[in-house]
Amino acid sequence: MKIDFVLNEEKVSVEVEHSNRLLDVLRDDLHQISVKEGCGEGECGSCSVLMNGKLVNSCLIAIASVDGCHILTLEGYRKTKRFEAIRKGFEVSGSVQCGFCTPGFVLAAEALLSENPDPSALEVMKGIEGNLCRCTGYQMIVAGILEAKEIGKGLW
């Protein structure tokens, strides 16, 4: 089956089995290594991408449903000014430890700040609740997103 979609602002076309997951196509066929399989059940957020601007778990998305969609991974997002604000916020706050979950948290932060450019700490916690981290204890991630909103004021 042929699937056409936009990946990181570039049109792509892939020949795949209709039952393949978006996660597998992104990693195996399109070399988007920021998209990782953590749980394979949509519980951890390590496979998060933005699909038509909404945060989704790519391990739960059948590739057939992606035809015509816009997909953004960290590889594409890191080219933006918004990413720079989040990167700096995470850096200042010590939000990153092992880094396995970081791409999912960065995209969750983007989704949250796009919807609410001035979230409270409680709203940030709610916005990242689908992402798991085994290293930081979340306080530093929340602090990083709050720092990013200040650094990037006016970008969202």
N, C-alpha and C. Protein backbone atom coordinates (compact mmCIF):
# COMPACT_ATOMS: atom_id res chain seq x y z
N MET A 1 0.85 -1.17 0.00
CA MET A 1 0.00 0.00 0.00
C MET A 1 0.89 1.23 0.00
N LYS A 2 0.52 2.22 -0.79
CA LYS A 2 1.28 3.46 -0.88
C LYS A 2 0.62 4.51 0.02
N ILE A 3 1.43 5.14 0.87
CA ILE A 3 0.96 6.18 1.78
C ILE A 3 1.75 7.45 1.50
N ASP A 4 1.03 8.54 1.31
CA ASP A 4 1.65 9.85 1.09
C ASP A 4 1.30 10.75 2.26
N PHE A 5 2.32 11.40 2.83
CA PHE A 5 2.09 12.35 3.90
C PHE A 5 3.24 13.34 3.95
N VAL A 6 3.11 14.32 4.80
CA VAL A 6 4.15 15.33 4.96
C VAL A 6 4.87 15.04 6.27
N LEU A 7 6.16 14.83 6.18
CA LEU A 7 7.00 14.56 7.34
C LEU A 7 7.98 15.70 7.51
N ASN A 8 7.87 16.41 8.61
CA ASN A 8 8.78 17.52 8.90
C ASN A 8 8.86 18.51 7.74
N GLU A 9 7.68 18.84 7.20
CA GLU A 9 7.51 19.82 6.13
C GLU A 9 7.99 19.34 4.76
N GLU A 10 8.25 18.04 4.61
CA GLU A 10 8.63 17.48 3.31
C GLU A 10 7.67 16.37 2.93
N LYS A 11 7.22 16.37 1.68
CA LYS A 11 6.33 15.31 1.22
C LYS A 11 7.09 14.00 1.11
N VAL A 12 6.48 12.94 1.63
CA VAL A 12 7.07 11.61 1.53
C VAL A 12 6.02 10.64 1.03
N SER A 13 6.51 9.58 0.42
CA SER A 13 5.66 8.52 -0.08
C SER A 13 6.33 7.21 0.29
N VAL A 14 5.59 6.33 0.94
CA VAL A 14 6.16 5.05 1.35
C VAL A 14 5.26 3.90 0.91
N GLU A 15 5.89 2.80 0.56
CA GLU A 15 5.19 1.55 0.24
C GLU A 15 5.30 0.67 1.46
N VAL A 16 4.19 0.42 2.11
CA VAL A 16 4.19 -0.34 3.36
C VAL A 16 2.97 -1.24 3.45
N GLU A 17 3.02 -2.15 4.40
CA GLU A 17 1.86 -2.96 4.73
C GLU A 17 0.86 -2.06 5.46
N HIS A 18 -0.41 -2.18 5.16
CA HIS A 18 -1.42 -1.32 5.79
C HIS A 18 -1.47 -1.49 7.30
N SER A 19 -1.01 -2.62 7.81
CA SER A 19 -1.05 -2.87 9.24
C SER A 19 0.16 -2.34 10.00
N ASN A 20 1.16 -1.81 9.29
CA ASN A 20 2.32 -1.25 9.97
C ASN A 20 1.92 -0.07 10.85
N ARG A 21 2.67 0.11 11.92
CA ARG A 21 2.44 1.26 12.80
C ARG A 21 3.26 2.45 12.30
N LEU A 22 2.76 3.64 12.56
CA LEU A 22 3.49 4.85 12.22
C LEU A 22 4.88 4.82 12.86
N LEU A 23 4.98 4.39 14.09
CA LEU A 23 6.27 4.29 14.79
C LEU A 23 7.29 3.51 13.97
N ASP A 24 6.92 2.35 13.48
CA ASP A 24 7.85 1.50 12.75
C ASP A 24 8.27 2.13 11.43
N VAL A 25 7.33 2.74 10.73
CA VAL A 25 7.65 3.39 9.45
C VAL A 25 8.58 4.57 9.69
N LEU A 26 8.29 5.36 10.73
CA LEU A 26 9.16 6.51 11.02
C LEU A 26 10.58 6.07 11.35
N ARG A 27 10.73 5.09 12.21
CA ARG A 27 12.07 4.64 12.63
C ARG A 27 12.77 3.82 11.55
N ASP A 28 12.10 2.78 11.06
CA ASP A 28 12.76 1.82 10.20
C ASP A 28 12.90 2.29 8.75
N ASP A 29 11.88 2.94 8.25
CA ASP A 29 11.90 3.35 6.84
C ASP A 29 12.37 4.78 6.64
N LEU A 30 12.05 5.66 7.58
CA LEU A 30 12.34 7.08 7.39
C LEU A 30 13.41 7.61 8.35
N HIS A 31 13.99 6.73 9.15
CA HIS A 31 15.16 7.01 9.99
C HIS A 31 14.97 8.18 10.97
N GLN A 32 13.78 8.27 11.52
CA GLN A 32 13.47 9.28 12.54
C GLN A 32 13.76 8.65 13.90
N ILE A 33 15.02 8.68 14.31
CA ILE A 33 15.43 7.92 15.49
C ILE A 33 15.01 8.56 16.81
N SER A 34 14.49 9.78 16.78
CA SER A 34 14.00 10.39 18.02
C SER A 34 12.72 9.71 18.49
N VAL A 35 12.03 9.04 17.59
CA VAL A 35 10.77 8.36 17.89
C VAL A 35 11.12 6.96 18.38
N LYS A 36 10.87 6.71 19.65
CA LYS A 36 11.33 5.46 20.26
C LYS A 36 10.16 4.63 20.77
N GLU A 37 10.34 3.32 20.75
CA GLU A 37 9.34 2.44 21.36
C GLU A 37 9.75 2.19 22.80
N GLY A 38 8.90 2.63 23.71
CA GLY A 38 9.13 2.37 25.12
C GLY A 38 8.24 1.23 25.59
N CYS A 39 6.94 1.41 25.42
CA CYS A 39 6.00 0.42 25.94
C CYS A 39 5.22 -0.29 24.83
N GLY A 40 5.03 0.37 23.69
CA GLY A 40 4.24 -0.22 22.61
C GLY A 40 2.76 -0.25 22.89
N GLU A 41 2.32 0.44 23.96
CA GLU A 41 0.92 0.43 24.35
C GLU A 41 0.32 1.81 24.51
N GLY A 42 1.05 2.86 24.13
CA GLY A 42 0.53 4.22 24.24
C GLY A 42 0.54 4.78 25.65
N GLU A 43 1.37 4.22 26.51
CA GLU A 43 1.38 4.63 27.92
C GLU A 43 2.56 5.51 28.31
N CYS A 44 3.65 5.50 27.53
CA CYS A 44 4.87 6.16 28.01
C CYS A 44 5.23 7.45 27.30
N GLY A 45 4.77 7.66 26.08
CA GLY A 45 5.06 8.90 25.36
C GLY A 45 6.39 8.93 24.64
N SER A 46 7.18 7.88 24.70
CA SER A 46 8.49 7.88 24.03
C SER A 46 8.37 7.92 22.51
N CYS A 47 7.24 7.51 22.00
CA CYS A 47 7.02 7.49 20.55
C CYS A 47 6.21 8.70 20.07
N SER A 48 6.07 9.70 20.93
CA SER A 48 5.21 10.85 20.60
C SER A 48 5.68 11.59 19.36
N VAL A 49 4.71 11.98 18.55
CA VAL A 49 4.90 12.86 17.40
C VAL A 49 3.71 13.82 17.37
N LEU A 50 3.83 14.85 16.58
CA LEU A 50 2.69 15.73 16.34
C LEU A 50 2.08 15.32 15.01
N MET A 51 0.80 15.00 15.05
CA MET A 51 0.06 14.61 13.84
C MET A 51 -1.01 15.66 13.63
N ASN A 52 -0.86 16.41 12.55
CA ASN A 52 -1.75 17.54 12.27
C ASN A 52 -1.83 18.46 13.48
N GLY A 53 -0.67 18.66 14.14
CA GLY A 53 -0.57 19.58 15.26
C GLY A 53 -0.97 19.02 16.61
N LYS A 54 -1.44 17.79 16.67
CA LYS A 54 -1.87 17.17 17.93
C LYS A 54 -0.87 16.10 18.35
N LEU A 55 -0.59 16.04 19.64
CA LEU A 55 0.32 15.04 20.17
C LEU A 55 -0.34 13.66 20.13
N VAL A 56 0.35 12.69 19.52
CA VAL A 56 -0.16 11.32 19.44
C VAL A 56 0.97 10.34 19.76
N ASN A 57 0.58 9.16 20.17
CA ASN A 57 1.53 8.06 20.36
C ASN A 57 1.61 7.28 19.05
N SER A 58 2.74 7.36 18.39
CA SER A 58 2.87 6.74 17.07
C SER A 58 2.80 5.21 17.12
N CYS A 59 2.99 4.64 18.32
CA CYS A 59 2.88 3.17 18.43
C CYS A 59 1.43 2.71 18.30
N LEU A 60 0.49 3.63 18.43
CA LEU A 60 -0.94 3.28 18.36
C LEU A 60 -1.57 3.67 17.02
N ILE A 61 -0.81 4.30 16.14
CA ILE A 61 -1.35 4.82 14.89
C ILE A 61 -1.03 3.87 13.74
N ALA A 62 -2.07 3.35 13.11
CA ALA A 62 -1.88 2.53 11.90
C ALA A 62 -1.43 3.45 10.77
N ILE A 63 -0.42 3.03 10.05
CA ILE A 63 0.13 3.87 8.99
C ILE A 63 -0.93 4.24 7.95
N ALA A 64 -1.90 3.40 7.73
CA ALA A 64 -2.95 3.69 6.75
C ALA A 64 -3.71 4.96 7.11
N SER A 65 -3.80 5.28 8.39
CA SER A 65 -4.56 6.47 8.82
C SER A 65 -3.75 7.76 8.69
N VAL A 66 -2.51 7.66 8.25
CA VAL A 66 -1.62 8.82 8.15
C VAL A 66 -1.67 9.45 6.75
N ASP A 67 -2.27 8.78 5.80
CA ASP A 67 -2.32 9.28 4.42
C ASP A 67 -2.85 10.71 4.40
N GLY A 68 -2.07 11.64 3.84
CA GLY A 68 -2.47 13.03 3.73
C GLY A 68 -2.21 13.87 4.97
N CYS A 69 -1.69 13.29 6.02
CA CYS A 69 -1.46 14.02 7.27
C CYS A 69 -0.11 14.73 7.29
N HIS A 70 0.03 15.61 8.26
CA HIS A 70 1.29 16.29 8.54
C HIS A 70 1.84 15.70 9.83
N ILE A 71 3.04 15.15 9.76
CA ILE A 71 3.69 14.54 10.92
C ILE A 71 4.95 15.36 11.24
N LEU A 72 5.12 15.67 12.52
CA LEU A 72 6.31 16.39 12.96
C LEU A 72 7.00 15.56 14.04
N THR A 73 8.28 15.25 13.81
CA THR A 73 9.10 14.57 14.81
C THR A 73 10.12 15.58 15.34
N LEU A 74 10.89 15.16 16.33
CA LEU A 74 11.90 16.06 16.88
C LEU A 74 12.92 16.45 15.81
N GLU A 75 13.20 15.56 14.86
CA GLU A 75 14.15 15.89 13.80
C GLU A 75 13.72 17.13 13.03
N GLY A 76 12.44 17.29 12.80
CA GLY A 76 11.94 18.49 12.12
C GLY A 76 11.76 19.65 13.07
N TYR A 77 11.26 19.37 14.25
CA TYR A 77 10.96 20.43 15.22
C TYR A 77 12.21 21.15 15.69
N ARG A 78 13.33 20.44 15.77
CA ARG A 78 14.55 21.07 16.30
C ARG A 78 15.10 22.17 15.40
N LYS A 79 14.51 22.36 14.25
CA LYS A 79 14.94 23.43 13.33
C LYS A 79 14.18 24.74 13.59
N THR A 80 13.35 24.78 14.63
CA THR A 80 12.49 25.93 14.87
C THR A 80 12.97 26.78 16.06
N LYS A 81 12.52 28.02 16.09
CA LYS A 81 12.81 28.90 17.23
C LYS A 81 12.12 28.41 18.49
N ARG A 82 10.96 27.82 18.32
CA ARG A 82 10.24 27.28 19.48
C ARG A 82 11.06 26.18 20.15
N PHE A 83 11.67 25.33 19.34
CA PHE A 83 12.52 24.28 19.91
C PHE A 83 13.66 24.90 20.71
N GLU A 84 14.26 25.94 20.19
CA GLU A 84 15.37 26.58 20.90
C GLU A 84 14.93 27.06 22.27
N ALA A 85 13.73 27.61 22.38
CA ALA A 85 13.23 28.07 23.67
C ALA A 85 13.06 26.88 24.63
N ILE A 86 12.51 25.78 24.13
CA ILE A 86 12.33 24.60 24.97
C ILE A 86 13.69 24.00 25.34
N ARG A 87 14.59 23.91 24.38
CA ARG A 87 15.93 23.38 24.66
C ARG A 87 16.60 24.18 25.76
N LYS A 88 16.55 25.49 25.65
CA LYS A 88 17.18 26.35 26.67
C LYS A 88 16.49 26.20 28.02
N GLY A 89 15.17 26.13 28.02
CA GLY A 89 14.43 25.95 29.27
C GLY A 89 14.80 24.64 29.95
N PHE A 90 14.90 23.57 29.16
CA PHE A 90 15.29 22.27 29.71
C PHE A 90 16.73 22.30 30.21
N GLU A 91 17.59 22.98 29.48
CA GLU A 91 19.00 23.07 29.86
C GLU A 91 19.16 23.82 31.19
N VAL A 92 18.53 24.98 31.30
CA VAL A 92 18.62 25.79 32.51
C VAL A 92 18.07 25.05 33.72
N SER A 93 17.02 24.27 33.52
CA SER A 93 16.33 23.61 34.62
C SER A 93 16.85 22.20 34.92
N GLY A 94 17.80 21.72 34.13
CA GLY A 94 18.31 20.36 34.35
C GLY A 94 17.26 19.30 34.07
N SER A 95 16.43 19.55 33.07
CA SER A 95 15.29 18.67 32.78
C SER A 95 15.66 17.35 32.14
N VAL A 96 16.86 17.23 31.63
CA VAL A 96 17.25 16.03 30.89
C VAL A 96 18.28 15.24 31.68
N GLN A 97 18.03 13.95 31.81
CA GLN A 97 19.04 13.09 32.42
C GLN A 97 19.47 12.06 31.38
N CYS A 98 18.86 10.90 31.33
CA CYS A 98 19.33 9.90 30.36
C CYS A 98 18.95 10.29 28.94
N GLY A 99 17.85 11.01 28.75
CA GLY A 99 17.46 11.50 27.43
C GLY A 99 16.50 10.62 26.65
N PHE A 100 16.22 9.41 27.11
CA PHE A 100 15.35 8.52 26.35
C PHE A 100 13.97 9.13 26.14
N CYS A 101 13.43 9.75 27.16
CA CYS A 101 12.07 10.29 27.09
C CYS A 101 12.02 11.72 26.56
N THR A 102 13.17 12.36 26.42
CA THR A 102 13.21 13.79 26.11
C THR A 102 12.47 14.18 24.83
N PRO A 103 12.63 13.48 23.71
CA PRO A 103 11.87 13.89 22.52
C PRO A 103 10.37 13.95 22.76
N GLY A 104 9.83 12.97 23.48
CA GLY A 104 8.40 12.97 23.77
C GLY A 104 8.00 14.15 24.64
N PHE A 105 8.82 14.48 25.63
CA PHE A 105 8.52 15.62 26.49
C PHE A 105 8.64 16.93 25.74
N VAL A 106 9.60 17.05 24.84
CA VAL A 106 9.74 18.28 24.05
C VAL A 106 8.51 18.48 23.19
N LEU A 107 8.04 17.43 22.53
CA LEU A 107 6.85 17.56 21.68
C LEU A 107 5.59 17.75 22.52
N ALA A 108 5.55 17.17 23.71
CA ALA A 108 4.41 17.42 24.61
C ALA A 108 4.40 18.88 25.04
N ALA A 109 5.60 19.43 25.30
CA ALA A 109 5.70 20.85 25.66
C ALA A 109 5.23 21.73 24.51
N GLU A 110 5.62 21.39 23.29
CA GLU A 110 5.18 22.15 22.12
C GLU A 110 3.66 22.10 21.99
N ALA A 111 3.08 20.92 22.13
CA ALA A 111 1.63 20.78 22.02
C ALA A 111 0.93 21.61 23.08
N LEU A 112 1.43 21.55 24.30
CA LEU A 112 0.85 22.31 25.41
C LEU A 112 0.96 23.81 25.17
N LEU A 113 2.16 24.29 24.85
CA LEU A 113 2.37 25.72 24.68
C LEU A 113 1.65 26.27 23.44
N SER A 114 1.44 25.43 22.45
CA SER A 114 0.67 25.86 21.27
C SER A 114 -0.79 26.11 21.65
N GLU A 115 -1.28 25.29 22.55
CA GLU A 115 -2.67 25.42 23.00
C GLU A 115 -2.82 26.47 24.09
N ASN A 116 -1.82 26.57 24.96
CA ASN A 116 -1.86 27.48 26.10
C ASN A 116 -0.47 28.07 26.30
N PRO A 117 -0.20 29.24 25.74
CA PRO A 117 1.15 29.82 25.81
C PRO A 117 1.59 30.25 27.21
N ASP A 118 0.68 30.29 28.16
CA ASP A 118 1.05 30.73 29.51
C ASP A 118 0.47 29.79 30.57
N PRO A 119 0.88 28.51 30.54
CA PRO A 119 0.32 27.56 31.49
C PRO A 119 0.88 27.73 32.90
N SER A 120 0.08 27.35 33.87
CA SER A 120 0.55 27.28 35.26
C SER A 120 1.31 25.96 35.42
N ALA A 121 1.96 25.79 36.57
CA ALA A 121 2.66 24.53 36.84
C ALA A 121 1.68 23.36 36.82
N LEU A 122 0.51 23.55 37.36
CA LEU A 122 -0.50 22.50 37.36
C LEU A 122 -0.93 22.13 35.93
N GLU A 123 -1.09 23.14 35.09
CA GLU A 123 -1.46 22.89 33.70
C GLU A 123 -0.33 22.19 32.95
N VAL A 124 0.92 22.51 33.28
CA VAL A 124 2.04 21.81 32.67
C VAL A 124 2.02 20.34 33.09
N MET A 125 1.80 20.08 34.36
CA MET A 125 1.74 18.69 34.84
C MET A 125 0.64 17.92 34.11
N LYS A 126 -0.50 18.55 33.92
CA LYS A 126 -1.60 17.92 33.20
C LYS A 126 -1.21 17.69 31.73
N GLY A 127 -0.51 18.65 31.14
CA GLY A 127 -0.13 18.57 29.74
C GLY A 127 0.90 17.50 29.42
N ILE A 128 1.67 17.09 30.41
CA ILE A 128 2.70 16.08 30.17
C ILE A 128 2.34 14.73 30.78
N GLU A 129 1.13 14.58 31.27
CA GLU A 129 0.79 13.38 32.01
C GLU A 129 0.85 12.08 31.21
N GLY A 130 0.88 12.15 29.90
CA GLY A 130 1.00 10.93 29.08
C GLY A 130 2.43 10.53 28.80
N ASN A 131 3.39 11.22 29.41
CA ASN A 131 4.80 10.93 29.18
C ASN A 131 5.44 10.45 30.49
N LEU A 132 6.22 9.39 30.38
CA LEU A 132 6.88 8.83 31.55
C LEU A 132 8.38 9.11 31.52
N CYS A 133 8.93 9.40 32.69
CA CYS A 133 10.36 9.57 32.87
C CYS A 133 10.77 8.79 34.10
N ARG A 134 11.82 8.02 33.99
CA ARG A 134 12.28 7.23 35.13
C ARG A 134 13.45 7.89 35.85
N CYS A 135 13.88 9.06 35.39
CA CYS A 135 15.08 9.67 35.97
C CYS A 135 14.83 10.94 36.78
N THR A 136 14.03 11.87 36.26
CA THR A 136 14.02 13.23 36.83
C THR A 136 13.03 13.46 37.95
N GLY A 137 11.98 12.68 38.05
CA GLY A 137 10.96 12.96 39.04
C GLY A 137 10.01 14.08 38.63
N TYR A 138 10.09 14.52 37.40
CA TYR A 138 9.15 15.46 36.77
C TYR A 138 9.29 16.91 37.20
N GLN A 139 9.72 17.21 38.40
CA GLN A 139 9.79 18.60 38.83
C GLN A 139 10.70 19.42 37.91
N MET A 140 11.82 18.84 37.50
CA MET A 140 12.74 19.57 36.63
C MET A 140 12.17 19.71 35.22
N ILE A 141 11.35 18.77 34.79
CA ILE A 141 10.72 18.88 33.47
C ILE A 141 9.67 19.97 33.50
N VAL A 142 8.86 20.00 34.53
CA VAL A 142 7.86 21.06 34.68
C VAL A 142 8.57 22.41 34.74
N ALA A 143 9.63 22.51 35.51
CA ALA A 143 10.40 23.76 35.60
C ALA A 143 10.96 24.15 34.24
N GLY A 144 11.43 23.17 33.48
CA GLY A 144 11.97 23.45 32.14
C GLY A 144 10.93 24.01 31.20
N ILE A 145 9.72 23.48 31.26
CA ILE A 145 8.65 23.98 30.39
C ILE A 145 8.22 25.38 30.82
N LEU A 146 8.15 25.61 32.12
CA LEU A 146 7.82 26.95 32.61
C LEU A 146 8.91 27.96 32.22
N GLU A 147 10.15 27.53 32.27
CA GLU A 147 11.27 28.39 31.84
C GLU A 147 11.17 28.65 30.33
N ALA A 148 10.86 27.62 29.57
CA ALA A 148 10.74 27.74 28.11
C ALA A 148 9.65 28.73 27.72
N LYS A 149 8.54 28.73 28.45
CA LYS A 149 7.46 29.66 28.11
C LYS A 149 7.91 31.10 28.29
N GLU A 150 8.80 31.34 29.28
CA GLU A 150 9.33 32.69 29.49
C GLU A 150 10.35 33.04 28.43
N ILE A 151 11.26 32.12 28.15
CA ILE A 151 12.29 32.35 27.12
C ILE A 151 11.63 32.58 25.76
N GLY A 152 10.58 31.82 25.47
CA GLY A 152 9.94 31.88 24.15
C GLY A 152 8.69 32.74 24.10
N LYS A 153 8.53 33.64 25.07
CA LYS A 153 7.33 34.50 25.07
C LYS A 153 7.11 35.13 23.71
N GLY A 154 5.91 34.98 23.19
CA GLY A 154 5.57 35.52 21.88
C GLY A 154 5.74 34.54 20.73
N LEU A 155 6.40 33.40 20.97
CA LEU A 155 6.58 32.41 19.91
C LEU A 155 5.36 31.50 19.77
N TRP A 156 4.59 31.35 20.85
CA TRP A 156 3.42 30.48 20.80
C TRP A 156 2.16 31.32 20.82
